[in-house]
PDB file of N, CA and C in Angstrom:
ATOM      1  N   MET A   1       0.819  -1.199   0.000  1.00  0.00           N
ATOM      2  CA  MET A   1       0.000   0.000   0.000  1.00  0.00           C
ATOM      3  C   MET A   1       0.861   1.262   0.000  1.00  0.00           C
ATOM      4  N   LYS A   2       1.979   1.214   0.698  1.00  0.00           N
ATOM      5  CA  LYS A   2       2.847   2.385   0.759  1.00  0.00           C
ATOM      6  C   LYS A   2       3.367   2.743  -0.627  1.00  0.00           C
ATOM      7  N   ARG A   3       3.720   1.733  -1.432  1.00  0.00           N
ATOM      8  CA  ARG A   3       4.215   1.979  -2.791  1.00  0.00           C
ATOM      9  C   ARG A   3       3.180   2.748  -3.612  1.00  0.00           C
ATOM     10  N   GLN A   4       1.909   2.345  -3.517  1.00  0.00           N
ATOM     11  CA  GLN A   4       0.844   3.026  -4.252  1.00  0.00           C
ATOM     12  C   GLN A   4       0.706   4.474  -3.780  1.00  0.00           C
ATOM     13  N   ASP A   5       0.827   4.678  -2.453  1.00  0.00           N
ATOM     14  CA  ASP A   5       0.765   6.041  -1.925  1.00  0.00           C
ATOM     15  C   ASP A   5       1.882   6.890  -2.525  1.00  0.00           C
ATOM     16  N   THR A   6       3.066   6.300  -2.637  1.00  0.00           N
ATOM     17  CA  THR A   6       4.192   7.017  -3.210  1.00  0.00           C
ATOM     18  C   THR A   6       3.925   7.352  -4.673  1.00  0.00           C
ATOM     19  N   ILE A   7       3.401   6.416  -5.427  1.00  0.00           N
ATOM     20  CA  ILE A   7       3.064   6.654  -6.840  1.00  0.00           C
ATOM     21  C   ILE A   7       2.036   7.777  -6.936  1.00  0.00           C
ATOM     22  N   THR A   8       1.027   7.734  -6.076  1.00  0.00           N
ATOM     23  CA  THR A   8      -0.001   8.777  -6.079  1.00  0.00           C
ATOM     24  C   THR A   8       0.603  10.138  -5.748  1.00  0.00           C
ATOM     25  N   MET A   9       1.530  10.157  -4.805  1.00  0.00           N
ATOM     26  CA  MET A   9       2.200  11.408  -4.447  1.00  0.00           C
ATOM     27  C   MET A   9       2.976  11.953  -5.642  1.00  0.00           C
ATOM     28  N   PHE A  10       3.670  11.068  -6.343  1.00  0.00           N
ATOM     29  CA  PHE A  10       4.415  11.486  -7.528  1.00  0.00           C
ATOM     30  C   PHE A  10       3.466  11.989  -8.615  1.00  0.00           C
ATOM     31  N   GLU A  11       2.375  11.288  -8.823  1.00  0.00           N
ATOM     32  CA  GLU A  11       1.393  11.707  -9.833  1.00  0.00           C
ATOM     33  C   GLU A  11       0.894  13.122  -9.535  1.00  0.00           C
ATOM     34  N   ASN A  12       0.567  13.372  -8.275  1.00  0.00           N
ATOM     35  CA  ASN A  12       0.089  14.702  -7.888  1.00  0.00           C
ATOM     36  C   ASN A  12       1.169  15.766  -8.057  1.00  0.00           C
ATOM     37  N   ALA A  13       2.405  15.397  -7.766  1.00  0.00           N
ATOM     38  CA  ALA A  13       3.510  16.347  -7.885  1.00  0.00           C
ATOM     39  C   ALA A  13       3.819  16.670  -9.346  1.00  0.00           C
ATOM     40  N   ILE A  14       3.656  15.710 -10.224  1.00  0.00           N
ATOM     41  CA  ILE A  14       3.927  15.911 -11.656  1.00  0.00           C
ATOM     42  C   ILE A  14       2.871  16.808 -12.289  1.00  0.00           C
ATOM     43  N   LYS A  15       1.621  16.650 -11.851  1.00  0.00           N
ATOM     44  CA  LYS A  15       0.516  17.410 -12.442  1.00  0.00           C
ATOM     45  C   LYS A  15       0.781  18.915 -12.326  1.00  0.00           C
ATOM     46  N   ASP A  16       0.696  19.604 -13.459  1.00  0.00           N
ATOM     47  CA  ASP A  16       0.894  21.055 -13.551  1.00  0.00           C
ATOM     48  C   ASP A  16       2.273  21.516 -13.080  1.00  0.00           C
ATOM     49  N   SER A  17       3.274  20.644 -13.215  1.00  0.00           N
ATOM     50  CA  SER A  17       4.653  20.994 -12.837  1.00  0.00           C
ATOM     51  C   SER A  17       5.416  21.623 -13.996  1.00  0.00           C
ATOM     52  N   GLY A  18       4.847  21.549 -15.193  1.00  0.00           N
ATOM     53  CA  GLY A  18       5.559  22.034 -16.366  1.00  0.00           C
ATOM     54  C   GLY A  18       6.663  21.085 -16.795  1.00  0.00           C
ATOM     55  N   GLY A  19       6.722  19.917 -16.165  1.00  0.00           N
ATOM     56  CA  GLY A  19       7.771  18.959 -16.503  1.00  0.00           C
ATOM     57  C   GLY A  19       9.114  19.336 -15.893  1.00  0.00           C
ATOM     58  N   ILE A  20       9.101  20.174 -14.875  1.00  0.00           N
ATOM     59  CA  ILE A  20      10.333  20.611 -14.213  1.00  0.00           C
ATOM     60  C   ILE A  20      10.593  19.688 -13.023  1.00  0.00           C
ATOM     61  N   ILE A  21      11.669  18.929 -13.109  1.00  0.00           N
ATOM     62  CA  ILE A  21      11.993  17.943 -12.074  1.00  0.00           C
ATOM     63  C   ILE A  21      12.176  18.622 -10.712  1.00  0.00           C
ATOM     64  N   ASN A  22      12.835  19.776 -10.674  1.00  0.00           N
ATOM     65  CA  ASN A  22      13.021  20.470  -9.396  1.00  0.00           C
ATOM     66  C   ASN A  22      11.690  20.850  -8.755  1.00  0.00           C
ATOM     67  N   THR A  23      10.727  21.253  -9.549  1.00  0.00           N
ATOM     68  CA  THR A  23       9.396  21.576  -9.031  1.00  0.00           C
ATOM     69  C   THR A  23       8.750  20.331  -8.429  1.00  0.00           C
ATOM     70  N   ILE A  24       8.873  19.215  -9.135  1.00  0.00           N
ATOM     71  CA  ILE A  24       8.317  17.950  -8.648  1.00  0.00           C
ATOM     72  C   ILE A  24       8.982  17.557  -7.328  1.00  0.00           C
ATOM     73  N   ALA A  25      10.304  17.666  -7.278  1.00  0.00           N
ATOM     74  CA  ALA A  25      11.048  17.313  -6.061  1.00  0.00           C
ATOM     75  C   ALA A  25      10.620  18.194  -4.886  1.00  0.00           C
ATOM     76  N   LYS A  26      10.459  19.495  -5.118  1.00  0.00           N
ATOM     77  CA  LYS A  26      10.026  20.396  -4.038  1.00  0.00           C
ATOM     78  C   LYS A  26       8.636  20.028  -3.537  1.00  0.00           C
ATOM     79  N   ARG A  27       7.744  19.692  -4.458  1.00  0.00           N
ATOM     80  CA  ARG A  27       6.392  19.301  -4.053  1.00  0.00           C
ATOM     81  C   ARG A  27       6.397  18.034  -3.210  1.00  0.00           C
ATOM     82  N   LEU A  28       7.395  17.192  -3.413  1.00  0.00           N
ATOM     83  CA  LEU A  28       7.523  15.939  -2.660  1.00  0.00           C
ATOM     84  C   LEU A  28       8.395  16.104  -1.412  1.00  0.00           C
ATOM     85  N   ASN A  29       8.891  17.329  -1.209  1.00  0.00           N
ATOM     86  CA  ASN A  29       9.826  17.602  -0.107  1.00  0.00           C
ATOM     87  C   ASN A  29      11.062  16.715  -0.185  1.00  0.00           C
ATOM     88  N   ARG A  30      11.527  16.528  -1.401  1.00  0.00           N
ATOM     89  CA  ARG A  30      12.735  15.726  -1.634  1.00  0.00           C
ATOM     90  C   ARG A  30      13.827  16.648  -2.156  1.00  0.00           C
ATOM     91  N   LYS A  31      15.042  16.400  -1.712  1.00  0.00           N
ATOM     92  CA  LYS A  31      16.161  17.256  -2.111  1.00  0.00           C
ATOM     93  C   LYS A  31      17.007  16.643  -3.218  1.00  0.00           C
ATOM     94  N   ASP A  32      16.895  15.353  -3.416  1.00  0.00           N
ATOM     95  CA  ASP A  32      17.738  14.673  -4.401  1.00  0.00           C
ATOM     96  C   ASP A  32      17.056  14.629  -5.768  1.00  0.00           C
ATOM     97  N   TYR A  33      17.428  15.571  -6.616  1.00  0.00           N
ATOM     98  CA  TYR A  33      16.904  15.702  -7.977  1.00  0.00           C
ATOM     99  C   TYR A  33      17.006  14.382  -8.731  1.00  0.00           C
ATOM    100  N   PHE A  34      18.173  13.752  -8.649  1.00  0.00           N
ATOM    101  CA  PHE A  34      18.432  12.551  -9.443  1.00  0.00           C
ATOM    102  C   PHE A  34      17.594  11.349  -8.990  1.00  0.00           C
ATOM    103  N   LYS A  35      17.342  11.232  -7.706  1.00  0.00           N
ATOM    104  CA  LYS A  35      16.481  10.136  -7.221  1.00  0.00           C
ATOM    105  C   LYS A  35      15.049  10.339  -7.694  1.00  0.00           C
ATOM    106  N   VAL A  36      14.588  11.579  -7.676  1.00  0.00           N
ATOM    107  CA  VAL A  36      13.232  11.876  -8.152  1.00  0.00           C
ATOM    108  C   VAL A  36      13.125  11.558  -9.638  1.00  0.00           C
ATOM    109  N   LYS A  37      14.105  12.005 -10.394  1.00  0.00           N
ATOM    110  CA  LYS A  37      14.101  11.747 -11.840  1.00  0.00           C
ATOM    111  C   LYS A  37      14.152  10.242 -12.120  1.00  0.00           C
ATOM    112  N   LYS A  38      14.994   9.535 -11.388  1.00  0.00           N
ATOM    113  CA  LYS A  38      15.118   8.079 -11.565  1.00  0.00           C
ATOM    114  C   LYS A  38      13.796   7.381 -11.263  1.00  0.00           C
ATOM    115  N   LYS A  39      13.142   7.797 -10.190  1.00  0.00           N
ATOM    116  CA  LYS A  39      11.851   7.207  -9.814  1.00  0.00           C
ATOM    117  C   LYS A  39      10.828   7.414 -10.929  1.00  0.00           C
ATOM    118  N   ILE A  40      10.812   8.606 -11.506  1.00  0.00           N
ATOM    119  CA  ILE A  40       9.859   8.920 -12.588  1.00  0.00           C
ATOM    120  C   ILE A  40      10.136   8.049 -13.805  1.00  0.00           C
ATOM    121  N   PHE A  41      11.389   7.975 -14.202  1.00  0.00           N
ATOM    122  CA  PHE A  41      11.722   7.285 -15.458  1.00  0.00           C
ATOM    123  C   PHE A  41      11.796   5.762 -15.313  1.00  0.00           C
ATOM    124  N   ASN A  42      11.805   5.263 -14.084  1.00  0.00           N
ATOM    125  CA  ASN A  42      11.782   3.815 -13.870  1.00  0.00           C
ATOM    126  C   ASN A  42      10.370   3.262 -13.696  1.00  0.00           C
ATOM    127  N   ASN A  43       9.380   4.118 -13.766  1.00  0.00           N
ATOM    128  CA  ASN A  43       7.991   3.696 -13.613  1.00  0.00           C
ATOM    129  C   ASN A  43       7.227   4.157 -14.856  1.00  0.00           C
ATOM    130  N   LYS A  44       6.712   3.210 -15.629  1.00  0.00           N
ATOM    131  CA  LYS A  44       6.064   3.550 -16.901  1.00  0.00           C
ATOM    132  C   LYS A  44       4.932   4.556 -16.729  1.00  0.00           C
ATOM    133  N   LYS A  45       4.111   4.357 -15.720  1.00  0.00           N
ATOM    134  CA  LYS A  45       2.972   5.259 -15.507  1.00  0.00           C
ATOM    135  C   LYS A  45       3.452   6.684 -15.202  1.00  0.00           C
ATOM    136  N   LEU A  46       4.451   6.801 -14.321  1.00  0.00           N
ATOM    137  CA  LEU A  46       4.983   8.119 -13.976  1.00  0.00           C
ATOM    138  C   LEU A  46       5.704   8.757 -15.159  1.00  0.00           C
ATOM    139  N   LYS A  47       6.452   7.939 -15.874  1.00  0.00           N
ATOM    140  CA  LYS A  47       7.168   8.453 -17.044  1.00  0.00           C
ATOM    141  C   LYS A  47       6.188   8.982 -18.079  1.00  0.00           C
ATOM    142  N   ASP A  48       5.128   8.229 -18.359  1.00  0.00           N
ATOM    143  CA  ASP A  48       4.121   8.666 -19.330  1.00  0.00           C
ATOM    144  C   ASP A  48       3.447   9.959 -18.880  1.00  0.00           C
ATOM    145  N   LEU A  49       3.135  10.035 -17.589  1.00  0.00           N
ATOM    146  CA  LEU A  49       2.516  11.238 -17.041  1.00  0.00           C
ATOM    147  C   LEU A  49       3.453  12.437 -17.165  1.00  0.00           C
ATOM    148  N   TYR A  50       4.724  12.212 -16.847  1.00  0.00           N
ATOM    149  CA  TYR A  50       5.741  13.264 -16.942  1.00  0.00           C
ATOM    150  C   TYR A  50       5.894  13.744 -18.389  1.00  0.00           C
ATOM    151  N   LEU A  51       6.026  12.808 -19.329  1.00  0.00           N
ATOM    152  CA  LEU A  51       6.200  13.184 -20.737  1.00  0.00           C
ATOM    153  C   LEU A  51       4.971  13.907 -21.277  1.00  0.00           C
ATOM    154  N   ALA A  52       3.790  13.531 -20.810  1.00  0.00           N
ATOM    155  CA  ALA A  52       2.563  14.232 -21.208  1.00  0.00           C
ATOM    156  C   ALA A  52       2.586  15.666 -20.681  1.00  0.00           C
ATOM    157  N   GLU A  53       3.108  15.843 -19.484  1.00  0.00           N
ATOM    158  CA  GLU A  53       3.222  17.194 -18.903  1.00  0.00           C
ATOM    159  C   GLU A  53       4.182  18.051 -19.710  1.00  0.00           C
ATOM    160  N   VAL A  54       5.298  17.471 -20.124  1.00  0.00           N
ATOM    161  CA  VAL A  54       6.267  18.195 -20.959  1.00  0.00           C
ATOM    162  C   VAL A  54       5.625  18.587 -22.289  1.00  0.00           C
ATOM    163  N   GLU A  55       4.891  17.666 -22.892  1.00  0.00           N
ATOM    164  CA  GLU A  55       4.209  17.951 -24.163  1.00  0.00           C
ATOM    165  C   GLU A  55       3.151  19.041 -24.009  1.00  0.00           C
ATOM    166  N   LYS A  56       2.465  19.022 -22.870  1.00  0.00           N
ATOM    167  CA  LYS A  56       1.446  20.041 -22.610  1.00  0.00           C
ATOM    168  C   LYS A  56       2.082  21.440 -22.629  1.00  0.00           C
ATOM    169  N   ILE A  57       3.240  21.573 -22.005  1.00  0.00           N
ATOM    170  CA  ILE A  57       3.935  22.864 -21.971  1.00  0.00           C
ATOM    171  C   ILE A  57       4.392  23.261 -23.371  1.00  0.00           C
ATOM    172  N   SER A  58       4.852  22.292 -24.149  1.00  0.00           N
ATOM    173  CA  SER A  58       5.241  22.583 -25.539  1.00  0.00           C
ATOM    174  C   SER A  58       4.041  23.078 -26.340  1.00  0.00           C
ATOM    175  N   ASP A  59       2.899  22.455 -26.124  1.00  0.00           N
ATOM    176  CA  ASP A  59       1.678  22.888 -26.808  1.00  0.00           C
ATOM    177  C   ASP A  59       1.300  24.320 -26.425  1.00  0.00           C
ATOM    178  N   ILE A  60       1.421  24.640 -25.154  1.00  0.00           N
ATOM    179  CA  ILE A  60       1.108  25.996 -24.695  1.00  0.00           C
ATOM    180  C   ILE A  60       2.061  27.006 -25.340  1.00  0.00           C
ATOM    181  N   ALA A  61       3.346  26.659 -25.374  1.00  0.00           N
ATOM    182  CA  ALA A  61       4.341  27.552 -25.989  1.00  0.00           C
ATOM    183  C   ALA A  61       4.022  27.771 -27.465  1.00  0.00           C
ATOM    184  N   GLU A  62       3.699  26.697 -28.168  1.00  0.00           N
ATOM    185  CA  GLU A  62       3.341  26.833 -29.580  1.00  0.00           C
ATOM    186  C   GLU A  62       2.077  27.673 -29.753  1.00  0.00           C
ATOM    187  N   SER A  63       1.121  27.505 -28.875  1.00  0.00           N
ATOM    188  CA  SER A  63      -0.105  28.301 -28.938  1.00  0.00           C
ATOM    189  C   SER A  63       0.199  29.785 -28.759  1.00  0.00           C
ATOM    190  N   ASN A  64       1.107  30.098 -27.843  1.00  0.00           N
ATOM    191  CA  ASN A  64       1.499  31.496 -27.631  1.00  0.00           C
ATOM    192  C   ASN A  64       2.149  32.082 -28.882  1.00  0.00           C
ATOM    193  N   ILE A  65       2.974  31.278 -29.539  1.00  0.00           N
ATOM    194  CA  ILE A  65       3.619  31.736 -30.767  1.00  0.00           C
ATOM    195  C   ILE A  65       2.571  31.995 -31.844  1.00  0.00           C
ATOM    196  N   ILE A  66       1.644  31.078 -31.996  1.00  0.00           N
ATOM    197  CA  ILE A  66       0.580  31.243 -32.999  1.00  0.00           C
ATOM    198  C   ILE A  66      -0.249  32.492 -32.697  1.00  0.00           C
ATOM    199  N   LYS A  67      -0.588  32.707 -31.425  1.00  0.00           N
ATOM    200  CA  LYS A  67      -1.335  33.910 -31.043  1.00  0.00           C
ATOM    201  C   LYS A  67      -0.571  35.172 -31.427  1.00  0.00           C
ATOM    202  N   SER A  68       0.744  35.181 -31.185  1.00  0.00           N
ATOM    203  CA  SER A  68       1.564  36.341 -31.543  1.00  0.00           C
ATOM    204  C   SER A  68       1.552  36.573 -33.049  1.00  0.00           C
ATOM    205  N   ILE A  69       1.648  35.509 -33.808  1.00  0.00           N
ATOM    206  CA  ILE A  69       1.615  35.628 -35.274  1.00  0.00           C
ATOM    207  C   ILE A  69       0.259  36.172 -35.719  1.00  0.00           C
ATOM    208  N   LEU A  70      -0.815  35.639 -35.160  1.00  0.00           N
ATOM    209  CA  LEU A  70      -2.158  36.102 -35.524  1.00  0.00           C
ATOM    210  C   LEU A  70      -2.384  37.564 -35.141  1.00  0.00           C
ATOM    211  N   ASN A  71      -1.648  38.030 -34.128  1.00  0.00           N
ATOM    212  CA  ASN A  71      -1.738  39.431 -33.719  1.00  0.00           C
ATOM    213  C   ASN A  71      -0.796  40.333 -34.516  1.00  0.00           C
ATOM    214  N   GLY A  72      -0.112  39.761 -35.500  1.00  0.00           N
ATOM    215  CA  GLY A  72       0.710  40.558 -36.408  1.00  0.00           C
ATOM    216  C   GLY A  72       2.148  40.770 -35.991  1.00  0.00           C
ATOM    217  N   ASP A  73       2.661  39.994 -35.070  1.00  0.00           N
ATOM    218  CA  ASP A  73       4.059  40.145 -34.646  1.00  0.00           C
ATOM    219  C   ASP A  73       4.985  39.653 -35.753  1.00  0.00           C
ATOM    220  N   VAL A  74       5.607  40.603 -36.448  1.00  0.00           N
ATOM    221  CA  VAL A  74       6.445  40.280 -37.613  1.00  0.00           C
ATOM    222  C   VAL A  74       7.698  39.512 -37.205  1.00  0.00           C
ATOM    223  N   ASN A  75       8.323  39.896 -36.101  1.00  0.00           N
ATOM    224  CA  ASN A  75       9.548  39.204 -35.673  1.00  0.00           C
ATOM    225  C   ASN A  75       9.282  37.747 -35.329  1.00  0.00           C
ATOM    226  N   ILE A  76       8.198  37.488 -34.614  1.00  0.00           N
ATOM    227  CA  ILE A  76       7.840  36.099 -34.297  1.00  0.00           C
ATOM    228  C   ILE A  76       7.495  35.353 -35.585  1.00  0.00           C
ATOM    229  N   SER A  77       6.828  36.033 -36.510  1.00  0.00           N
ATOM    230  CA  SER A  77       6.480  35.412 -37.798  1.00  0.00           C
ATOM    231  C   SER A  77       7.736  35.000 -38.551  1.00  0.00           C
ATOM    232  N   LYS A  78       8.734  35.865 -38.600  1.00  0.00           N
ATOM    233  CA  LYS A  78      10.000  35.541 -39.289  1.00  0.00           C
ATOM    234  C   LYS A  78      10.685  34.362 -38.612  1.00  0.00           C
ATOM    235  N   TRP A  79      10.734  34.412 -37.279  1.00  0.00           N
ATOM    236  CA  TRP A  79      11.360  33.321 -36.542  1.00  0.00           C
ATOM    237  C   TRP A  79      10.643  32.005 -36.839  1.00  0.00           C
ATOM    238  N   TYR A  80       9.323  32.028 -36.819  1.00  0.00           N
ATOM    239  CA  TYR A  80       8.528  30.834 -37.073  1.00  0.00           C
ATOM    240  C   TYR A  80       8.831  30.257 -38.456  1.00  0.00           C
ATOM    241  N   LEU A  81       8.895  31.134 -39.449  1.00  0.00           N
ATOM    242  CA  LEU A  81       9.191  30.660 -40.805  1.00  0.00           C
ATOM    243  C   LEU A  81      10.561  30.010 -40.886  1.00  0.00           C
ATOM    244  N   LEU A  82      11.558  30.598 -40.214  1.00  0.00           N
ATOM    245  CA  LEU A  82      12.906  30.021 -40.227  1.00  0.00           C
ATOM    246  C   LEU A  82      12.964  28.668 -39.526  1.00  0.00           C
ATOM    247  N   VAL A  83      12.159  28.504 -38.490  1.00  0.00           N
ATOM    248  CA  VAL A  83      12.208  27.278 -37.697  1.00  0.00           C
ATOM    249  C   VAL A  83      11.262  26.205 -38.226  1.00  0.00           C
ATOM    250  N   LYS A  84      10.064  26.606 -38.622  1.00  0.00           N
ATOM    251  CA  LYS A  84       9.027  25.631 -38.953  1.00  0.00           C
ATOM    252  C   LYS A  84       8.680  25.530 -40.438  1.00  0.00           C
ATOM    253  N   ALA A  85       9.178  26.415 -41.272  1.00  0.00           N
ATOM    254  CA  ALA A  85       8.756  26.406 -42.675  1.00  0.00           C
ATOM    255  C   ALA A  85       9.946  26.247 -43.626  1.00  0.00           C
ATOM    256  N   LYS A  86      10.926  25.478 -43.210  1.00  0.00           N
ATOM    257  CA  LYS A  86      12.104  25.259 -44.055  1.00  0.00           C
ATOM    258  C   LYS A  86      11.740  24.583 -45.365  1.00  0.00           C
ATOM    259  N   GLU A  87      10.741  23.687 -45.299  1.00  0.00           N
ATOM    260  CA  GLU A  87      10.327  22.973 -46.518  1.00  0.00           C
ATOM    261  C   GLU A  87       9.723  23.925 -47.553  1.00  0.00           C
ATOM    262  N   ARG A  88       9.363  25.118 -47.126  1.00  0.00           N
ATOM    263  CA  ARG A  88       8.838  26.132 -48.050  1.00  0.00           C
ATOM    264  C   ARG A  88       9.930  27.060 -48.571  1.00  0.00           C
ATOM    265  N   GLY A  89      11.150  26.803 -48.157  1.00  0.00           N
ATOM    266  CA  GLY A  89      12.269  27.586 -48.649  1.00  0.00           C
ATOM    267  C   GLY A  89      12.716  28.689 -47.708  1.00  0.00           C
ATOM    268  N   TYR A  90      12.099  28.771 -46.542  1.00  0.00           N
ATOM    269  CA  TYR A  90      12.498  29.796 -45.579  1.00  0.00           C
ATOM    270  C   TYR A  90      13.656  29.249 -44.749  1.00  0.00           C
ATOM    271  N   ILE A  91      14.852  29.585 -45.187  1.00  0.00           N
ATOM    272  CA  ILE A  91      16.042  29.154 -44.461  1.00  0.00           C
ATOM    273  C   ILE A  91      16.939  30.359 -44.255  1.00  0.00           C
ATOM    274  N   GLU A  92      17.646  30.337 -43.175  1.00  0.00           N
ATOM    275  CA  GLU A  92      18.585  31.414 -42.906  1.00  0.00           C
ATOM    276  C   GLU A  92      19.861  31.132 -43.679  1.00  0.00           C
ATOM    277  N   GLN A  93      20.217  32.081 -44.508  1.00  0.00           N
ATOM    278  CA  GLN A  93      21.421  31.909 -45.305  1.00  0.00           C
ATOM    279  C   GLN A  93      22.530  32.775 -44.735  1.00  0.00           C
ATOM    280  N   GLN A  94      23.687  32.195 -44.677  1.00  0.00           N
ATOM    281  CA  GLN A  94      24.845  32.935 -44.212  1.00  0.00           C
ATOM    282  C   GLN A  94      25.892  32.903 -45.313  1.00  0.00           C
ATOM    283  N   LYS A  95      26.356  34.073 -45.672  1.00  0.00           N
ATOM    284  CA  LYS A  95      27.369  34.178 -46.712  1.00  0.00           C
ATOM    285  C   LYS A  95      28.721  34.325 -46.033  1.00  0.00           C
ATOM    286  N   ILE A  96      29.617  33.468 -46.445  1.00  0.00           N
ATOM    287  CA  ILE A  96      30.970  33.514 -45.909  1.00  0.00           C
ATOM    288  C   ILE A  96      31.928  33.746 -47.070  1.00  0.00           C
ATOM    289  N   ASP A  97      32.664  34.828 -46.977  1.00  0.00           N
ATOM    290  CA  ASP A  97      33.692  35.103 -47.976  1.00  0.00           C
ATOM    291  C   ASP A  97      34.991  34.480 -47.491  1.00  0.00           C
ATOM    292  N   PHE A  98      35.586  33.679 -48.361  1.00  0.00           N
ATOM    293  CA  PHE A  98      36.804  32.987 -47.993  1.00  0.00           C
ATOM    294  C   PHE A  98      37.777  33.099 -49.152  1.00  0.00           C
ATOM    295  N   GLU A  99      38.932  33.519 -48.839  1.00  0.00           N
ATOM    296  CA  GLU A  99      39.955  33.628 -49.873  1.00  0.00           C
ATOM    297  C   GLU A  99      41.243  33.050 -49.312  1.00  0.00           C
ATOM    298  N   ALA A 100      41.857  32.179 -50.081  1.00  0.00           N
ATOM    299  CA  ALA A 100      43.097  31.573 -49.631  1.00  0.00           C
ATOM    300  C   ALA A 100      44.020  31.393 -50.825  1.00  0.00           C
ATOM    301  N   SER A 101      45.245  31.409 -50.527  1.00  0.00           N
ATOM    302  CA  SER A 101      46.234  31.196 -51.570  1.00  0.00           C
ATOM    303  C   SER A 101      47.095  30.005 -51.152  1.00  0.00           C
ATOM    304  N   ILE A 102      47.074  28.970 -51.998  1.00  0.00           N
ATOM    305  CA  ILE A 102      47.847  27.767 -51.705  1.00  0.00           C
ATOM    306  C   ILE A 102      48.761  27.503 -52.893  1.00  0.00           C
ATOM    307  N   ASN A 103      50.021  27.421 -52.638  1.00  0.00           N
ATOM    308  CA  ASN A 103      51.003  27.127 -53.682  1.00  0.00           C
ATOM    309  C   ASN A 103      51.637  25.773 -53.397  1.00  0.00           C
ATOM    310  N   ILE A 104      51.500  24.875 -54.349  1.00  0.00           N
ATOM    311  CA  ILE A 104      52.078  23.546 -54.196  1.00  0.00           C
ATOM    312  C   ILE A 104      52.960  23.296 -55.415  1.00  0.00           C
ATOM    313  N   ASP A 105      54.138  22.918 -55.125  1.00  0.00           N
ATOM    314  CA  ASP A 105      55.047  22.571 -56.201  1.00  0.00           C
ATOM    315  C   ASP A 105      54.847  21.092 -56.505  1.00  0.00           C
ATOM    316  N   ILE A 106      53.965  20.812 -57.472  1.00  0.00           N
ATOM    317  CA  ILE A 106      53.565  19.446 -57.779  1.00  0.00           C
ATOM    318  C   ILE A 106      54.747  18.608 -58.272  1.00  0.00           C
ATOM    319  N   ILE A 107      55.534  19.181 -59.091  1.00  0.00           N
ATOM    320  CA  ILE A 107      56.660  18.417 -59.639  1.00  0.00           C
ATOM    321  C   ILE A 107      57.599  18.002 -58.515  1.00  0.00           C
ATOM    322  N   LYS A 108      57.887  18.920 -57.610  1.00  0.00           N
ATOM    323  CA  LYS A 108      58.772  18.604 -56.491  1.00  0.00           C
ATOM    324  C   LYS A 108      58.161  17.498 -55.626  1.00  0.00           C
ATOM    325  N   GLU A 109      56.866  17.567 -55.389  1.00  0.00           N
ATOM    326  CA  GLU A 109      56.194  16.544 -54.604  1.00  0.00           C
ATOM    327  C   GLU A 109      56.261  15.185 -55.297  1.00  0.00           C
ATOM    328  N   LEU A 110      56.049  15.172 -56.618  1.00  0.00           N
ATOM    329  CA  LEU A 110      56.125  13.915 -57.368  1.00  0.00           C
ATOM    330  C   LEU A 110      57.530  13.338 -57.348  1.00  0.00           C
ATOM    331  N   GLU A 111      58.533  14.198 -57.457  1.00  0.00           N
ATOM    332  CA  GLU A 111      59.911  13.718 -57.380  1.00  0.00           C
ATOM    333  C   GLU A 111      60.187  13.087 -56.019  1.00  0.00           C
ATOM    334  N   ASN A 112      59.676  13.710 -54.957  1.00  0.00           N
ATOM    335  CA  ASN A 112      59.875  13.152 -53.625  1.00  0.00           C
ATOM    336  C   ASN A 112      59.204  11.802 -53.476  1.00  0.00           C
ATOM    337  N   ILE A 113      58.038  11.644 -54.062  1.00  0.00           N
ATOM    338  CA  ILE A 113      57.315  10.383 -53.981  1.00  0.00           C
ATOM    339  C   ILE A 113      58.074   9.278 -54.705  1.00  0.00           C
ATOM    340  N   PHE A 114      58.576   9.561 -55.911  1.00  0.00           N
ATOM    341  CA  PHE A 114      59.244   8.543 -56.721  1.00  0.00           C
ATOM    342  C   PHE A 114      60.657   8.236 -56.237  1.00  0.00           C
ATOM    343  N   LYS A 115      61.250   9.117 -55.440  1.00  0.00           N
ATOM    344  CA  LYS A 115      62.574   8.847 -54.891  1.00  0.00           C
ATOM    345  C   LYS A 115      62.515   7.749 -53.843  1.00  0.00           C
ATOM    346  N   LYS A 116      61.350   7.601 -53.231  1.00  0.00           N
ATOM    347  CA  LYS A 116      61.203   6.615 -52.157  1.00  0.00           C
ATOM    348  C   LYS A 116      61.099   5.282 -52.752  1.00  0.00           C
TER     349      LYS A 116
END
């Protein structure tokens, strides 16, 4: 029964944590980040709950970006195109000018090779 209580405590701590392990640990009054993380990832139910929480936060972040674009934020729109619309040709191009001068005495090199 104690194990189930612990699982329930973890489930409650994960809910609305944003997927932040330190937040979960604080809610459990635990100081060892790594033990909390290990407990989550060694239990399928807790791991699934945790990953769903992380995805939920990603969805919220994406929703905020979409709202900004719909409100006409040009900078966010440009960023979005560079990150999410590469297949449409929106890629950041960087031009690098490079100039080098290399002189190789080919005949001398060939003579050295054939001398061996």
